[in-house]
Amino acid sequence: MMHQHILETKHIISGYNGKTIVNDVNISLPDGKITVIIGANACGKSTLLKTVARLLKPLSGEILLEGTKIHQIPPKQLARKLGLLPQSPIVPEGITVADLVARGRYPYQGLFRGLKSDDYDAVTEALNRMGIADIADSSVDELSGGQRQRVWIAMTLAQETDILLLDEPTTYLDITHQIEILDLLMDLNQRKGTTIAMVLHDINLSARYADHIIAMKTGRVVAEGSPVEVLNESLIKEVFGLDCTVISDPVSKTPMIIPMGRHHCNL
């Protein structure tokens, strides 16, 4: 049975230490599409992602995965459906690339059981997909930020979930690698139908790669829809406090934000 919305929240209020950061948020992730969450720093994007991934218990409201309340799903079962790449994951000391990627297979392992052949296949495919098979035996500690990010994404790919949540997967990466990672995620979406939701900083890359955009401001959703529907001068002003003009991206024909700044306006 196909669900138009694979994951949805209803009136989620969430935060830390009694402080509300996400306030009454209703979102729906379209099934098999790429959703990008945008907004200024500290607007609640990461908190929302963590709440949806069940890392953070909401103060009120509920999260539904294919119509089932997420807190009723056993953790291991949930981990087969939902993968999360947090912003700054902690690397276990001295672990190799292959071993870290293999941790993505944890939801499929029984008690006292090592990896089976399908686990190895999934790990190998994830290493190849992220272009890191040649450093499989290297220690993750010794890698550059960009390589390390690829290892983490490979781990979430090895988990083989229907839904992938990524909190700023392109952080620490130069523009070439940002595009590479986003292209790889788009391949995954198109090849396997994986539903992807991610937080991105770059509005123009968000416009280019997203089927669906959720714009947040101070813990609330202020707009939701396709990039063409959502990204206009007034929204960018409201969400980011930025004066800009919006043109059509000459490559992708998606909206492209051109900041005004104070020094380059030919009036």
C-alpha atoms as a PDB file:
ATOM      1  CA  MET A   1       0.000   0.000   0.000  1.00  0.00           C
ATOM      2  CA  MET A   2       1.462   3.357  -1.029  1.00  0.00           C
ATOM      3  CA  HIS A   3       1.332   6.193   1.459  1.00  0.00           C
ATOM      4  CA  GLN A   4       1.399   9.652   0.010  1.00  0.00           C
ATOM      5  CA  HIS A   5       2.988  10.890   3.225  1.00  0.00           C
ATOM      6  CA  ILE A   6       5.347   8.352   4.758  1.00  0.00           C
ATOM      7  CA  LEU A   7       6.212  10.411   7.828  1.00  0.00           C
ATOM      8  CA  GLU A   8       4.206  13.187   9.411  1.00  0.00           C
ATOM      9  CA  THR A   9       4.075  15.234  12.574  1.00  0.00           C
ATOM     10  CA  LYS A  10       0.966  16.540  14.289  1.00  0.00           C
ATOM     11  CA  HIS A  11       1.292  19.599  16.524  1.00  0.00           C
ATOM     12  CA  ILE A  12       4.828  18.767  17.634  1.00  0.00           C
ATOM     13  CA  ILE A  13       6.240  20.856  20.458  1.00  0.00           C
ATOM     14  CA  SER A  14       9.825  19.988  21.267  1.00  0.00           C
ATOM     15  CA  GLY A  15      12.932  21.397  22.912  1.00  0.00           C
ATOM     16  CA  TYR A  16      15.571  20.999  25.605  1.00  0.00           C
ATOM     17  CA  ASN A  17      15.580  21.625  29.359  1.00  0.00           C
ATOM     18  CA  GLY A  18      12.016  22.894  29.364  1.00  0.00           C
ATOM     19  CA  LYS A  19      12.760  25.458  26.640  1.00  0.00           C
ATOM     20  CA  THR A  20      10.500  25.175  23.590  1.00  0.00           C
ATOM     21  CA  ILE A  21      12.449  25.263  20.309  1.00  0.00           C
ATOM     22  CA  VAL A  22       9.968  23.657  17.896  1.00  0.00           C
ATOM     23  CA  ASN A  23       6.492  25.053  18.376  1.00  0.00           C
ATOM     24  CA  ASP A  24       3.329  23.408  17.038  1.00  0.00           C
ATOM     25  CA  VAL A  25       4.803  21.992  13.842  1.00  0.00           C
ATOM     26  CA  ASN A  26       2.788  19.972  11.350  1.00  0.00           C
ATOM     27  CA  ILE A  27       4.822  18.589   8.463  1.00  0.00           C
ATOM     28  CA  SER A  28       4.427  15.726   6.009  1.00  0.00           C
ATOM     29  CA  LEU A  29       7.303  14.167   4.102  1.00  0.00           C
ATOM     30  CA  PRO A  30       6.113  13.226   0.615  1.00  0.00           C
ATOM     31  CA  ASP A  31       6.834   9.556  -0.022  1.00  0.00           C
ATOM     32  CA  GLY A  32       9.799   8.880  -2.325  1.00  0.00           C
ATOM     33  CA  LYS A  33      10.735  12.555  -2.604  1.00  0.00           C
ATOM     34  CA  ILE A  34      13.550  14.800  -1.377  1.00  0.00           C
ATOM     35  CA  THR A  35      12.497  17.334   1.259  1.00  0.00           C
ATOM     36  CA  VAL A  36      14.851  20.103   2.373  1.00  0.00           C
ATOM     37  CA  ILE A  37      14.342  22.088   5.571  1.00  0.00           C
ATOM     38  CA  ILE A  38      15.675  25.650   5.411  1.00  0.00           C
ATOM     39  CA  GLY A  39      15.821  28.521   7.875  1.00  0.00           C
ATOM     40  CA  ALA A  40      18.206  30.750   9.792  1.00  0.00           C
ATOM     41  CA  ASN A  41      20.513  29.300  12.441  1.00  0.00           C
ATOM     42  CA  ALA A  42      18.810  28.269  15.683  1.00  0.00           C
ATOM     43  CA  CYS A  43      15.335  28.268  14.107  1.00  0.00           C
ATOM     44  CA  GLY A  44      14.697  24.661  15.168  1.00  0.00           C
ATOM     45  CA  LYS A  45      15.645  22.698  12.033  1.00  0.00           C
ATOM     46  CA  SER A  46      17.960  20.231  13.826  1.00  0.00           C
ATOM     47  CA  THR A  47      15.629  19.913  16.809  1.00  0.00           C
ATOM     48  CA  LEU A  48      12.779  19.030  14.456  1.00  0.00           C
ATOM     49  CA  LEU A  49      14.881  16.392  12.692  1.00  0.00           C
ATOM     50  CA  LYS A  50      15.962  14.828  16.015  1.00  0.00           C
ATOM     51  CA  THR A  51      12.384  14.771  17.263  1.00  0.00           C
ATOM     52  CA  VAL A  52      11.164  13.113  14.070  1.00  0.00           C
ATOM     53  CA  ALA A  53      13.970  10.517  14.384  1.00  0.00           C
ATOM     54  CA  ARG A  54      12.869   9.799  17.973  1.00  0.00           C
ATOM     55  CA  LEU A  55      16.186  10.960  19.431  1.00  0.00           C
ATOM     56  CA  LEU A  56      14.304  13.670  21.266  1.00  0.00           C
ATOM     57  CA  LYS A  57      10.975  13.077  22.960  1.00  0.00           C
ATOM     58  CA  PRO A  58       8.402  15.719  22.011  1.00  0.00           C
ATOM     59  CA  LEU A  59       6.827  17.686  24.840  1.00  0.00           C
ATOM     60  CA  SER A  60       3.503  17.218  23.057  1.00  0.00           C
ATOM     61  CA  GLY A  61       2.094  16.177  19.696  1.00  0.00           C
ATOM     62  CA  GLU A  62       2.775  12.987  17.778  1.00  0.00           C
ATOM     63  CA  ILE A  63       4.837  11.592  14.926  1.00  0.00           C
ATOM     64  CA  LEU A  64       3.337   9.036  12.563  1.00  0.00           C
ATOM     65  CA  LEU A  65       5.325   6.644  10.379  1.00  0.00           C
ATOM     66  CA  GLU A  66       3.066   5.111   7.752  1.00  0.00           C
ATOM     67  CA  GLY A  67       0.134   5.880  10.052  1.00  0.00           C
ATOM     68  CA  THR A  68       1.652   4.272  13.185  1.00  0.00           C
ATOM     69  CA  LYS A  69       2.692   6.369  16.178  1.00  0.00           C
ATOM     70  CA  ILE A  70       6.473   6.309  16.122  1.00  0.00           C
ATOM     71  CA  HIS A  71       6.906   5.751  19.865  1.00  0.00           C
ATOM     72  CA  GLN A  72       4.970   2.480  19.519  1.00  0.00           C
ATOM     73  CA  ILE A  73       7.509   1.045  17.049  1.00  0.00           C
ATOM     74  CA  PRO A  74      10.301  -1.063  18.627  1.00  0.00           C
ATOM     75  CA  PRO A  75      13.717   0.674  18.216  1.00  0.00           C
ATOM     76  CA  LYS A  76      15.287  -2.030  16.041  1.00  0.00           C
ATOM     77  CA  GLN A  77      12.255  -2.148  13.747  1.00  0.00           C
ATOM     78  CA  LEU A  78      12.297   1.647  13.480  1.00  0.00           C
ATOM     79  CA  ALA A  79      16.012   1.578  12.612  1.00  0.00           C
ATOM     80  CA  ARG A  80      15.215  -0.570   9.570  1.00  0.00           C
ATOM     81  CA  LYS A  81      12.854   2.098   8.281  1.00  0.00           C
ATOM     82  CA  LEU A  82      14.417   5.355   9.431  1.00  0.00           C
ATOM     83  CA  GLY A  83      18.080   6.392   9.284  1.00  0.00           C
ATOM     84  CA  LEU A  84      19.493   9.581  10.778  1.00  0.00           C
ATOM     85  CA  LEU A  85      22.796  11.341  10.166  1.00  0.00           C
ATOM     86  CA  PRO A  86      23.134  13.908  12.965  1.00  0.00           C
ATOM     87  CA  GLN A  87      25.175  17.085  12.645  1.00  0.00           C
ATOM     88  CA  SER A  88      28.347  16.114  14.528  1.00  0.00           C
ATOM     89  CA  PRO A  89      28.329  12.365  15.103  1.00  0.00           C
ATOM     90  CA  ILE A  90      30.913  11.057  17.581  1.00  0.00           C
ATOM     91  CA  VAL A  91      33.525   8.762  16.035  1.00  0.00           C
ATOM     92  CA  PRO A  92      34.389   5.749  18.218  1.00  0.00           C
ATOM     93  CA  GLU A  93      38.144   5.934  18.845  1.00  0.00           C
ATOM     94  CA  GLY A  94      40.387   3.905  16.555  1.00  0.00           C
ATOM     95  CA  ILE A  95      37.531   2.474  14.453  1.00  0.00           C
ATOM     96  CA  THR A  96      38.179   1.722  10.778  1.00  0.00           C
ATOM     97  CA  VAL A  97      36.028   3.000   7.933  1.00  0.00           C
ATOM     98  CA  ALA A  98      34.644  -0.481   7.140  1.00  0.00           C
ATOM     99  CA  ASP A  99      33.789  -1.160  10.794  1.00  0.00           C
ATOM    100  CA  LEU A 100      31.972   2.144  11.181  1.00  0.00           C
ATOM    101  CA  VAL A 101      29.980   1.585   7.990  1.00  0.00           C
ATOM    102  CA  ALA A 102      29.174  -1.956   9.201  1.00  0.00           C
ATOM    103  CA  ARG A 103      27.497  -0.451  12.268  1.00  0.00           C
ATOM    104  CA  GLY A 104      24.698   0.546   9.917  1.00  0.00           C
ATOM    105  CA  ARG A 105      23.804  -3.154   9.798  1.00  0.00           C
ATOM    106  CA  TYR A 106      23.028  -3.339  13.522  1.00  0.00           C
ATOM    107  CA  PRO A 107      19.207  -3.306  13.031  1.00  0.00           C
ATOM    108  CA  TYR A 108      19.444  -6.516  10.999  1.00  0.00           C
ATOM    109  CA  GLN A 109      21.577  -8.526  13.414  1.00  0.00           C
ATOM    110  CA  GLY A 110      20.231 -11.042  15.873  1.00  0.00           C
ATOM    111  CA  LEU A 111      21.632 -11.512  19.358  1.00  0.00           C
ATOM    112  CA  PHE A 112      25.222 -12.840  19.391  1.00  0.00           C
ATOM    113  CA  ARG A 113      25.330 -12.913  15.620  1.00  0.00           C
ATOM    114  CA  GLY A 114      27.980 -11.389  13.400  1.00  0.00           C
ATOM    115  CA  LEU A 115      27.589 -10.062   9.884  1.00  0.00           C
ATOM    116  CA  LYS A 116      25.995 -12.284   7.245  1.00  0.00           C
ATOM    117  CA  SER A 117      26.652 -12.142   3.511  1.00  0.00           C
ATOM    118  CA  ASP A 118      23.823  -9.680   2.833  1.00  0.00           C
ATOM    119  CA  ASP A 119      25.319  -7.422   5.518  1.00  0.00           C
ATOM    120  CA  TYR A 120      28.708  -7.535   3.806  1.00  0.00           C
ATOM    121  CA  ASP A 121      27.047  -6.833   0.456  1.00  0.00           C
ATOM    122  CA  ALA A 122      25.275  -3.767   1.870  1.00  0.00           C
ATOM    123  CA  VAL A 123      28.521  -2.470   3.424  1.00  0.00           C
ATOM    124  CA  THR A 124      30.470  -3.020   0.191  1.00  0.00           C
ATOM    125  CA  GLU A 125      27.803  -1.276  -1.862  1.00  0.00           C
ATOM    126  CA  ALA A 126      27.731   1.689   0.541  1.00  0.00           C
ATOM    127  CA  LEU A 127      31.547   2.003   0.456  1.00  0.00           C
ATOM    128  CA  ASN A 128      31.534   1.905  -3.353  1.00  0.00           C
ATOM    129  CA  ARG A 129      28.616   4.309  -3.656  1.00  0.00           C
ATOM    130  CA  MET A 130      30.403   6.889  -1.522  1.00  0.00           C
ATOM    131  CA  GLY A 131      33.740   6.299  -3.272  1.00  0.00           C
ATOM    132  CA  ILE A 132      35.569   5.242  -0.102  1.00  0.00           C
ATOM    133  CA  ALA A 133      36.255   1.540  -0.732  1.00  0.00           C
ATOM    134  CA  ASP A 134      39.969   2.343  -1.124  1.00  0.00           C
ATOM    135  CA  ILE A 135      40.151   3.702   2.444  1.00  0.00           C
ATOM    136  CA  ALA A 136      38.031   0.933   4.019  1.00  0.00           C
ATOM    137  CA  ASP A 137      40.890  -0.125   6.333  1.00  0.00           C
ATOM    138  CA  SER A 138      41.905   3.400   7.341  1.00  0.00           C
ATOM    139  CA  SER A 139      41.180   4.758  10.791  1.00  0.00           C
ATOM    140  CA  VAL A 140      38.285   7.239  10.714  1.00  0.00           C
ATOM    141  CA  ASP A 141      40.217   9.502  13.157  1.00  0.00           C
ATOM    142  CA  GLU A 142      42.812  10.213  10.471  1.00  0.00           C
ATOM    143  CA  LEU A 143      40.416  11.306   7.730  1.00  0.00           C
ATOM    144  CA  SER A 144      39.629  14.815   6.543  1.00  0.00           C
ATOM    145  CA  GLY A 145      36.228  16.307   7.416  1.00  0.00           C
ATOM    146  CA  GLY A 146      34.967  15.630   3.898  1.00  0.00           C
ATOM    147  CA  GLN A 147      36.042  11.983   3.890  1.00  0.00           C
ATOM    148  CA  ARG A 148      34.614  11.476   7.348  1.00  0.00           C
ATOM    149  CA  GLN A 149      31.275  12.862   6.202  1.00  0.00           C
ATOM    150  CA  ARG A 150      31.237  10.318   3.376  1.00  0.00           C
ATOM    151  CA  VAL A 151      31.884   7.506   5.864  1.00  0.00           C
ATOM    152  CA  TRP A 152      28.920   8.589   7.987  1.00  0.00           C
ATOM    153  CA  ILE A 153      26.668   8.803   4.937  1.00  0.00           C
ATOM    154  CA  ALA A 154      27.894   5.339   3.863  1.00  0.00           C
ATOM    155  CA  MET A 155      26.919   4.026   7.304  1.00  0.00           C
ATOM    156  CA  THR A 156      23.387   5.375   6.897  1.00  0.00           C
ATOM    157  CA  LEU A 157      23.237   3.912   3.353  1.00  0.00           C
ATOM    158  CA  ALA A 158      24.303   0.489   4.705  1.00  0.00           C
ATOM    159  CA  GLN A 159      21.305   0.680   7.025  1.00  0.00           C
ATOM    160  CA  GLU A 160      19.119   0.414   3.880  1.00  0.00           C
ATOM    161  CA  THR A 161      16.186   2.378   5.282  1.00  0.00           C
ATOM    162  CA  ASP A 162      13.125   3.648   3.426  1.00  0.00           C
ATOM    163  CA  ILE A 163      13.641   7.090   4.946  1.00  0.00           C
ATOM    164  CA  LEU A 164      16.894   8.960   5.409  1.00  0.00           C
ATOM    165  CA  LEU A 165      17.157  12.078   7.587  1.00  0.00           C
ATOM    166  CA  LEU A 166      20.354  14.124   7.244  1.00  0.00           C
ATOM    167  CA  ASP A 167      21.296  17.154   9.303  1.00  0.00           C
ATOM    168  CA  GLU A 168      23.544  19.326   7.130  1.00  0.00           C
ATOM    169  CA  PRO A 169      25.229  16.475   5.211  1.00  0.00           C
ATOM    170  CA  THR A 170      27.350  18.956   3.224  1.00  0.00           C
ATOM    171  CA  THR A 171      28.907  20.753   6.214  1.00  0.00           C
ATOM    172  CA  TYR A 172      32.732  20.880   6.092  1.00  0.00           C
ATOM    173  CA  LEU A 173      32.695  20.111   2.373  1.00  0.00           C
ATOM    174  CA  ASP A 174      33.938  22.339  -0.426  1.00  0.00           C
ATOM    175  CA  ILE A 175      31.517  23.077  -3.259  1.00  0.00           C
ATOM    176  CA  THR A 176      32.717  20.197  -5.483  1.00  0.00           C
ATOM    177  CA  HIS A 177      32.097  17.661  -2.743  1.00  0.00           C
ATOM    178  CA  GLN A 178      28.812  19.280  -1.745  1.00  0.00           C
ATOM    179  CA  ILE A 179      27.492  18.743  -5.262  1.00  0.00           C
ATOM    180  CA  GLU A 180      28.901  15.207  -5.318  1.00  0.00           C
ATOM    181  CA  ILE A 181      27.167  14.255  -2.060  1.00  0.00           C
ATOM    182  CA  LEU A 182      23.863  15.809  -3.143  1.00  0.00           C
ATOM    183  CA  ASP A 183      24.085  14.045  -6.513  1.00  0.00           C
ATOM    184  CA  LEU A 184      24.710  10.727  -4.704  1.00  0.00           C
ATOM    185  CA  LEU A 185      21.690  11.306  -2.463  1.00  0.00           C
ATOM    186  CA  MET A 186      19.605  12.147  -5.527  1.00  0.00           C
ATOM    187  CA  ASP A 187      20.815   8.922  -7.204  1.00  0.00           C
ATOM    188  CA  LEU A 188      19.709   6.988  -4.118  1.00  0.00           C
ATOM    189  CA  ASN A 189      16.327   8.684  -4.182  1.00  0.00           C
ATOM    190  CA  GLN A 190      15.825   7.969  -7.882  1.00  0.00           C
ATOM    191  CA  ARG A 191      17.249   4.433  -7.872  1.00  0.00           C
ATOM    192  CA  LYS A 192      15.704   3.089  -4.676  1.00  0.00           C
ATOM    193  CA  GLY A 193      12.843   5.497  -4.064  1.00  0.00           C
ATOM    194  CA  THR A 194      14.344   6.445  -0.687  1.00  0.00           C
ATOM    195  CA  THR A 195      12.465   9.276   0.992  1.00  0.00           C
ATOM    196  CA  ILE A 196      15.059  11.862   2.028  1.00  0.00           C
ATOM    197  CA  ALA A 197      14.685  14.823   4.357  1.00  0.00           C
ATOM    198  CA  MET A 198      17.677  17.025   5.049  1.00  0.00           C
ATOM    199  CA  VAL A 199      18.664  20.318   6.567  1.00  0.00           C
ATOM    200  CA  LEU A 200      20.775  22.419   4.182  1.00  0.00           C
ATOM    201  CA  HIS A 201      22.314  25.855   4.605  1.00  0.00           C
ATOM    202  CA  ASP A 202      22.653  26.745   0.947  1.00  0.00           C
ATOM    203  CA  ILE A 203      19.316  28.020  -0.365  1.00  0.00           C
ATOM    204  CA  ASN A 204      20.271  27.662  -4.028  1.00  0.00           C
ATOM    205  CA  LEU A 205      21.384  24.051  -3.606  1.00  0.00           C
ATOM    206  CA  SER A 206      18.191  23.430  -1.629  1.00  0.00           C
ATOM    207  CA  ALA A 207      16.159  24.815  -4.525  1.00  0.00           C
ATOM    208  CA  ARG A 208      18.045  22.647  -6.971  1.00  0.00           C
ATOM    209  CA  TYR A 209      17.814  19.303  -5.160  1.00  0.00           C
ATOM    210  CA  ALA A 210      14.504  19.531  -3.283  1.00  0.00           C
ATOM    211  CA  ASP A 211      11.152  18.310  -4.527  1.00  0.00           C
ATOM    212  CA  HIS A 212       9.641  19.812  -1.391  1.00  0.00           C
ATOM    213  CA  ILE A 213      10.867  22.667   0.815  1.00  0.00           C
ATOM    214  CA  ILE A 214       9.941  23.383   4.424  1.00  0.00           C
ATOM    215  CA  ALA A 215      10.904  26.896   5.575  1.00  0.00           C
ATOM    216  CA  MET A 216      11.162  27.472   9.328  1.00  0.00           C
ATOM    217  CA  LYS A 217      11.404  30.577  11.457  1.00  0.00           C
ATOM    218  CA  THR A 218      11.690  30.650  15.268  1.00  0.00           C
ATOM    219  CA  GLY A 219      10.426  27.106  15.701  1.00  0.00           C
ATOM    220  CA  ARG A 220       7.489  27.303  13.335  1.00  0.00           C
ATOM    221  CA  VAL A 221       6.898  26.327   9.712  1.00  0.00           C
ATOM    222  CA  VAL A 222       6.221  29.484   7.693  1.00  0.00           C
ATOM    223  CA  ALA A 223       6.009  27.913   4.223  1.00  0.00           C
ATOM    224  CA  GLU A 224       5.929  24.469   2.665  1.00  0.00           C
ATOM    225  CA  GLY A 225       5.789  23.407  -0.977  1.00  0.00           C
ATOM    226  CA  SER A 226       7.867  23.036  -4.134  1.00  0.00           C
ATOM    227  CA  PRO A 227      10.885  25.368  -4.550  1.00  0.00           C
ATOM    228  CA  VAL A 228       9.009  27.377  -7.190  1.00  0.00           C
ATOM    229  CA  GLU A 229       6.003  27.817  -4.888  1.00  0.00           C
ATOM    230  CA  VAL A 230       7.986  28.684  -1.768  1.00  0.00           C
ATOM    231  CA  LEU A 231      11.145  30.574  -2.703  1.00  0.00           C
ATOM    232  CA  ASN A 232      10.408  34.206  -3.409  1.00  0.00           C
ATOM    233  CA  GLU A 233      11.806  37.571  -2.271  1.00  0.00           C
ATOM    234  CA  SER A 234       9.301  38.049   0.545  1.00  0.00           C
ATOM    235  CA  LEU A 235       9.872  34.582   2.046  1.00  0.00           C
ATOM    236  CA  ILE A 236      13.668  35.014   2.001  1.00  0.00           C
ATOM    237  CA  LYS A 237      13.238  38.403   3.670  1.00  0.00           C
ATOM    238  CA  GLU A 238      10.933  36.913   6.305  1.00  0.00           C
ATOM    239  CA  VAL A 239      13.024  33.818   7.064  1.00  0.00           C
ATOM    240  CA  PHE A 240      16.577  35.103   6.655  1.00  0.00           C
ATOM    241  CA  GLY A 241      16.156  38.881   6.911  1.00  0.00           C
ATOM    242  CA  LEU A 242      17.884  39.122   3.533  1.00  0.00           C
ATOM    243  CA  ASP A 243      17.068  41.471   0.675  1.00  0.00           C
ATOM    244  CA  CYS A 244      17.434  39.537  -2.545  1.00  0.00           C
ATOM    245  CA  THR A 245      16.146  39.079  -6.028  1.00  0.00           C
ATOM    246  CA  VAL A 246      15.047  35.679  -7.319  1.00  0.00           C
ATOM    247  CA  ILE A 247      15.942  34.588 -10.840  1.00  0.00           C
ATOM    248  CA  SER A 248      15.757  31.281 -12.671  1.00  0.00           C
ATOM    249  CA  ASP A 249      18.855  29.103 -12.218  1.00  0.00           C
ATOM    250  CA  PRO A 250      20.318  28.864 -15.755  1.00  0.00           C
ATOM    251  CA  VAL A 251      21.292  25.205 -15.203  1.00  0.00           C
ATOM    252  CA  SER A 252      18.356  23.693 -13.318  1.00  0.00           C
ATOM    253  CA  LYS A 253      15.597  26.284 -13.994  1.00  0.00           C
ATOM    254  CA  THR A 254      14.852  26.283 -10.246  1.00  0.00           C
ATOM    255  CA  PRO A 255      14.636  29.543  -8.253  1.00  0.00           C
ATOM    256  CA  MET A 256      18.022  31.137  -7.612  1.00  0.00           C
ATOM    257  CA  ILE A 257      18.533  33.644  -4.816  1.00  0.00           C
ATOM    258  CA  ILE A 258      20.750  36.638  -5.594  1.00  0.00           C
ATOM    259  CA  PRO A 259      21.531  38.580  -2.383  1.00  0.00           C
ATOM    260  CA  MET A 260      21.425  42.358  -2.774  1.00  0.00           C
ATOM    261  CA  GLY A 261      24.012  43.427  -0.210  1.00  0.00           C
ATOM    262  CA  ARG A 262      24.619  47.159   0.233  1.00  0.00           C
ATOM    263  CA  HIS A 263      27.464  47.774  -2.210  1.00  0.00           C
ATOM    264  CA  HIS A 264      26.487  46.279  -5.551  1.00  0.00           C
ATOM    265  CA  CYS A 265      23.060  47.673  -6.365  1.00  0.00           C
ATOM    266  CA  ASN A 266      23.089  49.450  -9.710  1.00  0.00           C
ATOM    267  CA  LEU A 267      20.191  51.732  -9.018  1.00  0.00           C
END
